[in-house]
Amino acid sequence: MHPDDDYVRHPRGERHHKATMTNADARRILCCWQARRDEWGIQTALARQFHVSPGTVHSIIHGKTWRVATREREPCGPAPPAVGDVC
């Protein structure tokens, strides 16, 4: 069995038919959280902005879901401004 066979049979990330966000959204959630992790209520604010539950944001941050999108761990760049959306 080839390692990619499981990926084809069980699509991950935005390739899953029930995905409500993209890999880029998951990466952006992680980057925004990394830039503002010390702010109170950041997970809830991110959940509202991306129209997902706070539990989904928590799972992305802690690597339980959306690992396909966030495993690279590339540098996220400078922190986004604090005006308007969270990111």
N, C-alpha and C. Protein backbone atom coordinates (compact mmCIF):
# COMPACT_ATOMS: atom_id res chain seq x y z
N MET A 1 0.84 -1.18 0.00
CA MET A 1 0.00 0.00 0.00
C MET A 1 0.89 1.24 0.00
N HIS A 2 0.60 2.14 -0.87
CA HIS A 2 1.36 3.37 -1.00
C HIS A 2 0.89 4.36 0.07
N PRO A 3 1.79 5.17 0.65
CA PRO A 3 1.39 6.12 1.70
C PRO A 3 0.31 7.10 1.26
N ASP A 4 0.28 7.43 -0.03
CA ASP A 4 -0.73 8.39 -0.51
C ASP A 4 -2.09 7.74 -0.72
N ASP A 5 -2.17 6.41 -0.70
CA ASP A 5 -3.45 5.73 -0.93
C ASP A 5 -4.48 6.12 0.13
N ASP A 6 -4.06 6.23 1.38
CA ASP A 6 -4.98 6.61 2.45
C ASP A 6 -5.49 8.03 2.22
N TYR A 7 -4.63 8.91 1.72
CA TYR A 7 -5.02 10.29 1.45
C TYR A 7 -6.08 10.35 0.36
N VAL A 8 -5.95 9.48 -0.64
CA VAL A 8 -6.93 9.46 -1.73
C VAL A 8 -8.26 8.93 -1.23
N ARG A 9 -8.24 7.90 -0.45
CA ARG A 9 -9.49 7.31 0.06
C ARG A 9 -10.13 8.15 1.15
N HIS A 10 -9.34 8.87 1.91
CA HIS A 10 -9.84 9.69 3.01
C HIS A 10 -9.28 11.11 2.84
N PRO A 11 -9.90 11.90 1.99
CA PRO A 11 -9.36 13.25 1.72
C PRO A 11 -9.28 14.08 3.00
N ARG A 12 -8.26 14.89 3.07
CA ARG A 12 -8.02 15.74 4.24
C ARG A 12 -8.13 17.20 3.82
N GLY A 13 -8.35 18.05 4.81
CA GLY A 13 -8.36 19.49 4.57
C GLY A 13 -9.45 19.91 3.61
N GLU A 14 -9.13 20.86 2.75
CA GLU A 14 -10.14 21.42 1.85
C GLU A 14 -10.61 20.42 0.79
N ARG A 15 -9.91 19.30 0.64
CA ARG A 15 -10.33 18.28 -0.32
C ARG A 15 -11.48 17.42 0.19
N HIS A 16 -11.77 17.50 1.49
CA HIS A 16 -12.89 16.74 2.06
C HIS A 16 -14.20 17.39 1.63
N HIS A 17 -15.19 16.58 1.30
CA HIS A 17 -16.44 17.11 0.77
C HIS A 17 -17.24 17.94 1.78
N LYS A 18 -16.97 17.81 3.05
CA LYS A 18 -17.68 18.60 4.06
C LYS A 18 -16.86 19.77 4.60
N ALA A 19 -15.73 20.06 3.99
CA ALA A 19 -14.87 21.15 4.47
C ALA A 19 -15.62 22.48 4.34
N THR A 20 -15.55 23.28 5.38
CA THR A 20 -16.20 24.60 5.37
C THR A 20 -15.19 25.73 5.25
N MET A 21 -13.92 25.39 5.21
CA MET A 21 -12.89 26.40 5.03
C MET A 21 -11.76 25.82 4.19
N THR A 22 -10.85 26.67 3.81
CA THR A 22 -9.74 26.23 2.96
C THR A 22 -8.48 26.02 3.79
N ASN A 23 -7.49 25.39 3.19
CA ASN A 23 -6.19 25.23 3.85
C ASN A 23 -5.60 26.60 4.19
N ALA A 24 -5.80 27.56 3.29
CA ALA A 24 -5.29 28.92 3.55
C ALA A 24 -5.96 29.54 4.77
N ASP A 25 -7.25 29.28 4.96
CA ASP A 25 -7.95 29.79 6.15
C ASP A 25 -7.35 29.18 7.42
N ALA A 26 -7.11 27.88 7.41
CA ALA A 26 -6.52 27.21 8.58
C ALA A 26 -5.14 27.77 8.88
N ARG A 27 -4.35 27.98 7.84
CA ARG A 27 -3.00 28.55 8.03
C ARG A 27 -3.09 29.96 8.59
N ARG A 28 -4.05 30.73 8.09
CA ARG A 28 -4.22 32.11 8.56
C ARG A 28 -4.66 32.15 10.03
N ILE A 29 -5.55 31.24 10.41
CA ILE A 29 -5.97 31.15 11.81
C ILE A 29 -4.75 30.89 12.69
N LEU A 30 -3.92 29.93 12.30
CA LEU A 30 -2.73 29.60 13.09
C LEU A 30 -1.78 30.79 13.18
N CYS A 31 -1.55 31.47 12.06
CA CYS A 31 -0.64 32.61 12.06
C CYS A 31 -1.18 33.77 12.90
N CYS A 32 -2.46 34.03 12.79
CA CYS A 32 -3.06 35.11 13.58
C CYS A 32 -2.96 34.80 15.07
N TRP A 33 -3.22 33.56 15.41
CA TRP A 33 -3.15 33.18 16.81
C TRP A 33 -1.71 33.30 17.32
N GLN A 34 -0.73 32.88 16.52
CA GLN A 34 0.66 32.99 16.94
C GLN A 34 1.06 34.44 17.17
N ALA A 35 0.53 35.34 16.37
CA ALA A 35 0.87 36.76 16.50
C ALA A 35 0.20 37.39 17.71
N ARG A 36 -0.95 36.86 18.12
CA ARG A 36 -1.72 37.50 19.19
C ARG A 36 -2.13 36.55 20.30
N ARG A 37 -1.35 35.54 20.54
CA ARG A 37 -1.74 34.51 21.50
C ARG A 37 -1.94 35.03 22.92
N ASP A 38 -1.35 36.16 23.26
CA ASP A 38 -1.47 36.67 24.62
C ASP A 38 -2.75 37.49 24.83
N GLU A 39 -3.46 37.79 23.78
CA GLU A 39 -4.69 38.59 23.91
C GLU A 39 -5.83 37.72 24.42
N TRP A 40 -6.60 38.26 25.32
CA TRP A 40 -7.74 37.54 25.86
C TRP A 40 -8.84 37.45 24.80
N GLY A 41 -9.42 36.28 24.60
CA GLY A 41 -10.53 36.10 23.68
C GLY A 41 -10.15 35.97 22.22
N ILE A 42 -8.87 35.74 21.92
CA ILE A 42 -8.43 35.69 20.53
C ILE A 42 -9.03 34.49 19.80
N GLN A 43 -9.16 33.35 20.47
CA GLN A 43 -9.73 32.17 19.80
C GLN A 43 -11.19 32.40 19.42
N THR A 44 -11.94 33.02 20.30
CA THR A 44 -13.34 33.32 20.02
C THR A 44 -13.46 34.33 18.89
N ALA A 45 -12.60 35.33 18.89
CA ALA A 45 -12.63 36.34 17.83
C ALA A 45 -12.28 35.72 16.47
N LEU A 46 -11.29 34.83 16.45
CA LEU A 46 -10.94 34.14 15.21
C LEU A 46 -12.09 33.26 14.73
N ALA A 47 -12.75 32.58 15.67
CA ALA A 47 -13.88 31.73 15.30
C ALA A 47 -14.99 32.55 14.65
N ARG A 48 -15.27 33.70 15.21
CA ARG A 48 -16.30 34.57 14.62
C ARG A 48 -15.89 35.04 13.24
N GLN A 49 -14.65 35.45 13.08
CA GLN A 49 -14.18 35.97 11.81
C GLN A 49 -14.25 34.92 10.70
N PHE A 50 -13.90 33.68 11.02
CA PHE A 50 -13.85 32.63 10.02
C PHE A 50 -15.12 31.76 9.99
N HIS A 51 -16.12 32.12 10.79
CA HIS A 51 -17.41 31.42 10.82
C HIS A 51 -17.26 29.93 11.14
N VAL A 52 -16.46 29.67 12.17
CA VAL A 52 -16.29 28.31 12.68
C VAL A 52 -16.46 28.37 14.20
N SER A 53 -16.47 27.22 14.85
CA SER A 53 -16.62 27.21 16.30
C SER A 53 -15.28 27.48 16.98
N PRO A 54 -15.33 27.96 18.23
CA PRO A 54 -14.08 28.13 18.98
C PRO A 54 -13.33 26.79 19.13
N GLY A 55 -14.06 25.69 19.19
CA GLY A 55 -13.42 24.37 19.27
C GLY A 55 -12.62 24.04 18.02
N THR A 56 -13.10 24.47 16.86
CA THR A 56 -12.36 24.27 15.61
C THR A 56 -11.06 25.05 15.64
N VAL A 57 -11.12 26.29 16.11
CA VAL A 57 -9.91 27.12 16.22
C VAL A 57 -8.93 26.46 17.18
N HIS A 58 -9.42 26.00 18.31
CA HIS A 58 -8.57 25.32 19.29
C HIS A 58 -7.89 24.10 18.69
N SER A 59 -8.64 23.31 17.93
CA SER A 59 -8.09 22.11 17.32
C SER A 59 -7.02 22.44 16.28
N ILE A 60 -7.22 23.51 15.53
CA ILE A 60 -6.21 23.94 14.54
C ILE A 60 -4.94 24.36 15.26
N ILE A 61 -5.09 25.17 16.29
CA ILE A 61 -3.94 25.70 17.03
C ILE A 61 -3.11 24.58 17.65
N HIS A 62 -3.77 23.56 18.17
CA HIS A 62 -3.08 22.49 18.88
C HIS A 62 -2.76 21.29 17.99
N GLY A 63 -2.96 21.44 16.67
CA GLY A 63 -2.56 20.42 15.72
C GLY A 63 -3.41 19.18 15.70
N LYS A 64 -4.65 19.27 16.19
CA LYS A 64 -5.52 18.10 16.18
C LYS A 64 -6.25 17.96 14.84
N THR A 65 -6.50 19.07 14.18
CA THR A 65 -7.14 19.05 12.87
C THR A 65 -6.39 20.00 11.94
N TRP A 66 -6.64 19.87 10.66
CA TRP A 66 -6.05 20.71 9.62
C TRP A 66 -4.52 20.66 9.61
N ARG A 67 -3.96 19.52 10.01
CA ARG A 67 -2.50 19.36 9.98
C ARG A 67 -1.97 19.44 8.55
N VAL A 68 -2.79 19.03 7.59
CA VAL A 68 -2.38 19.10 6.18
C VAL A 68 -2.00 20.53 5.82
N ALA A 69 -2.75 21.49 6.33
CA ALA A 69 -2.52 22.89 5.99
C ALA A 69 -1.47 23.55 6.85
N THR A 70 -1.30 23.09 8.08
CA THR A 70 -0.48 23.83 9.04
C THR A 70 0.83 23.13 9.39
N ARG A 71 1.10 21.98 8.81
CA ARG A 71 2.30 21.24 9.24
C ARG A 71 3.61 21.87 8.80
N GLU A 72 3.58 22.72 7.76
CA GLU A 72 4.83 23.31 7.28
C GLU A 72 5.49 24.18 8.34
N ARG A 73 4.69 24.85 9.13
CA ARG A 73 5.19 25.74 10.19
C ARG A 73 6.14 26.80 9.64
N GLU A 74 5.79 27.36 8.48
CA GLU A 74 6.58 28.44 7.91
C GLU A 74 6.41 29.68 8.78
N PRO A 75 7.37 30.58 8.74
CA PRO A 75 7.20 31.83 9.47
C PRO A 75 5.96 32.56 8.96
N CYS A 76 5.23 33.14 9.87
CA CYS A 76 3.97 33.78 9.50
C CYS A 76 4.13 35.23 9.10
N GLY A 77 5.24 35.83 9.39
CA GLY A 77 5.42 37.23 9.04
C GLY A 77 5.03 38.14 10.20
N PRO A 78 4.97 39.45 9.95
CA PRO A 78 4.66 40.40 11.02
C PRO A 78 3.21 40.27 11.48
N ALA A 79 2.96 40.72 12.68
CA ALA A 79 1.60 40.68 13.24
C ALA A 79 0.70 41.63 12.46
N PRO A 80 -0.52 41.20 12.16
CA PRO A 80 -1.45 42.06 11.45
C PRO A 80 -1.92 43.22 12.32
N PRO A 81 -2.39 44.30 11.74
CA PRO A 81 -2.87 45.43 12.53
C PRO A 81 -4.09 45.05 13.36
N ALA A 82 -4.32 45.79 14.43
CA ALA A 82 -5.40 45.46 15.35
C ALA A 82 -6.72 46.13 14.99
N VAL A 83 -6.83 46.72 13.82
CA VAL A 83 -8.05 47.43 13.42
C VAL A 83 -8.90 46.51 12.56
N GLY A 84 -10.23 46.54 12.73
CA GLY A 84 -11.12 45.74 11.90
C GLY A 84 -11.10 44.29 12.31
N ASP A 85 -10.89 43.41 11.34
CA ASP A 85 -10.84 41.98 11.62
C ASP A 85 -9.65 41.66 12.51
N VAL A 86 -9.72 40.49 13.11
CA VAL A 86 -8.63 40.05 13.98
C VAL A 86 -7.36 39.92 13.18
N CYS A 87 -7.46 39.46 11.96
CA CYS A 87 -6.29 39.31 11.06
C CYS A 87 -6.53 40.04 9.78
